[in-house]
């Protein structure tokens, strides 16, 4: 399973989301992918007002806020 964090530099909510993802990663096995939306014009257009966006295996699961427990619960539901 892969968790993707769509982020941008200087985003404090993105930093909080990454912390929650890492906390979840300490409790479960999955791959973390971090994507800077400002490096891709299409991603910037898609997510500019929504970061952070967290996807599980390519499907959008959260935006703005996430906790480790919520992420793990959603991952179990998709397994």
C-alpha atoms as a PDB file:
ATOM      1  CA  UNK A   1       0.000   0.000   0.000  1.00  0.00           C
ATOM      2  CA  UNK A   2       1.246   3.522  -0.796  1.00  0.00           C
ATOM      3  CA  UNK A   3       0.280   6.732   0.989  1.00  0.00           C
ATOM      4  CA  UNK A   4       0.952   9.847  -1.071  1.00  0.00           C
ATOM      5  CA  UNK A   5       1.166  13.285   0.486  1.00  0.00           C
ATOM      6  CA  UNK A   6       0.586  16.140  -1.945  1.00  0.00           C
ATOM      7  CA  UNK A   7       2.291  19.122  -0.368  1.00  0.00           C
ATOM      8  CA  UNK A   8       4.078  22.397  -0.974  1.00  0.00           C
ATOM      9  CA  UNK A   9       6.935  24.194   0.707  1.00  0.00           C
ATOM     10  CA  UNK A  10       6.029  26.328   3.713  1.00  0.00           C
ATOM     11  CA  UNK A  11       2.704  24.587   4.383  1.00  0.00           C
ATOM     12  CA  UNK A  12       2.263  24.051   8.139  1.00  0.00           C
ATOM     13  CA  UNK A  13      -0.757  21.769   7.664  1.00  0.00           C
ATOM     14  CA  UNK A  14       1.395  19.671   5.334  1.00  0.00           C
ATOM     15  CA  UNK A  15       4.017  19.290   8.053  1.00  0.00           C
ATOM     16  CA  UNK A  16       1.311  18.138  10.489  1.00  0.00           C
ATOM     17  CA  UNK A  17      -0.008  15.646   7.926  1.00  0.00           C
ATOM     18  CA  UNK A  18       3.482  14.236   7.349  1.00  0.00           C
ATOM     19  CA  UNK A  19       3.946  13.807  11.088  1.00  0.00           C
ATOM     20  CA  UNK A  20       0.655  11.861  11.298  1.00  0.00           C
ATOM     21  CA  UNK A  21       1.635   9.712   8.308  1.00  0.00           C
ATOM     22  CA  UNK A  22       4.974   8.894   9.929  1.00  0.00           C
ATOM     23  CA  UNK A  23       3.203   8.014  13.197  1.00  0.00           C
ATOM     24  CA  UNK A  24       0.947   5.643  11.266  1.00  0.00           C
ATOM     25  CA  UNK A  25       3.989   4.208   9.459  1.00  0.00           C
ATOM     26  CA  UNK A  26       5.495   3.292  12.835  1.00  0.00           C
ATOM     27  CA  UNK A  27       2.421   1.101  13.419  1.00  0.00           C
ATOM     28  CA  UNK A  28       1.848  -0.376   9.943  1.00  0.00           C
ATOM     29  CA  UNK A  29       3.783  -1.300   6.834  1.00  0.00           C
ATOM     30  CA  UNK A  30       3.251   1.013   3.853  1.00  0.00           C
ATOM     31  CA  UNK A  31       5.199   3.156   1.445  1.00  0.00           C
ATOM     32  CA  UNK A  32       5.233   6.966   1.824  1.00  0.00           C
ATOM     33  CA  UNK A  33       5.450   9.144  -1.268  1.00  0.00           C
ATOM     34  CA  UNK A  34       5.801  12.929  -0.968  1.00  0.00           C
ATOM     35  CA  UNK A  35       4.899  15.048  -3.993  1.00  0.00           C
ATOM     36  CA  UNK A  36       5.455  18.809  -4.200  1.00  0.00           C
ATOM     37  CA  UNK A  37       2.485  20.088  -6.200  1.00  0.00           C
ATOM     38  CA  UNK A  38       4.414  23.186  -7.252  1.00  0.00           C
ATOM     39  CA  UNK A  39       6.774  20.996  -9.304  1.00  0.00           C
ATOM     40  CA  UNK A  40       3.956  20.023 -11.680  1.00  0.00           C
ATOM     41  CA  UNK A  41       1.583  22.580 -13.255  1.00  0.00           C
ATOM     42  CA  UNK A  42      -1.286  20.063 -13.467  1.00  0.00           C
ATOM     43  CA  UNK A  43      -0.983  19.087  -9.803  1.00  0.00           C
ATOM     44  CA  UNK A  44      -0.731  22.734  -8.782  1.00  0.00           C
ATOM     45  CA  UNK A  45      -3.922  23.484 -10.715  1.00  0.00           C
ATOM     46  CA  UNK A  46      -5.680  20.459  -9.222  1.00  0.00           C
ATOM     47  CA  UNK A  47      -4.638  20.874  -5.568  1.00  0.00           C
ATOM     48  CA  UNK A  48      -3.544  24.485  -5.106  1.00  0.00           C
ATOM     49  CA  UNK A  49      -6.227  25.363  -2.534  1.00  0.00           C
ATOM     50  CA  UNK A  50      -6.497  21.902  -0.964  1.00  0.00           C
ATOM     51  CA  UNK A  51      -3.040  20.945   0.334  1.00  0.00           C
ATOM     52  CA  UNK A  52      -2.256  18.821   2.045  1.00  0.00           C
ATOM     53  CA  UNK A  53      -4.029  16.062   0.160  1.00  0.00           C
ATOM     54  CA  UNK A  54      -3.412  12.481   1.225  1.00  0.00           C
ATOM     55  CA  UNK A  55      -4.067   9.628  -1.186  1.00  0.00           C
ATOM     56  CA  UNK A  56      -4.076   5.903  -0.487  1.00  0.00           C
ATOM     57  CA  UNK A  57      -2.987   3.840  -3.483  1.00  0.00           C
ATOM     58  CA  UNK A  58      -3.745   6.754  -5.786  1.00  0.00           C
ATOM     59  CA  UNK A  59      -7.219   7.517  -4.419  1.00  0.00           C
ATOM     60  CA  UNK A  60      -7.810  10.761  -2.546  1.00  0.00           C
ATOM     61  CA  UNK A  61      -8.564   9.967   1.082  1.00  0.00           C
ATOM     62  CA  UNK A  62      -8.058  13.209   3.043  1.00  0.00           C
ATOM     63  CA  UNK A  63      -7.432  16.891   2.594  1.00  0.00           C
ATOM     64  CA  UNK A  64      -6.206  19.489   5.082  1.00  0.00           C
ATOM     65  CA  UNK A  65      -6.046  17.303   8.207  1.00  0.00           C
ATOM     66  CA  UNK A  66      -5.420  13.676   9.088  1.00  0.00           C
ATOM     67  CA  UNK A  67      -4.514  11.717  12.199  1.00  0.00           C
ATOM     68  CA  UNK A  68      -2.550   8.487  12.368  1.00  0.00           C
ATOM     69  CA  UNK A  69      -5.629   6.641  13.653  1.00  0.00           C
ATOM     70  CA  UNK A  70      -7.864   7.954  10.850  1.00  0.00           C
ATOM     71  CA  UNK A  71      -5.274   7.042   8.237  1.00  0.00           C
ATOM     72  CA  UNK A  72      -4.830   3.521   9.573  1.00  0.00           C
ATOM     73  CA  UNK A  73      -8.602   3.032   9.778  1.00  0.00           C
ATOM     74  CA  UNK A  74      -9.069   4.153   6.168  1.00  0.00           C
ATOM     75  CA  UNK A  75      -6.170   1.931   5.028  1.00  0.00           C
ATOM     76  CA  UNK A  76      -7.692  -1.120   6.742  1.00  0.00           C
ATOM     77  CA  UNK A  77     -11.025  -0.388   5.064  1.00  0.00           C
ATOM     78  CA  UNK A  78      -9.360  -0.373   1.637  1.00  0.00           C
ATOM     79  CA  UNK A  79      -7.330  -3.548   2.187  1.00  0.00           C
END
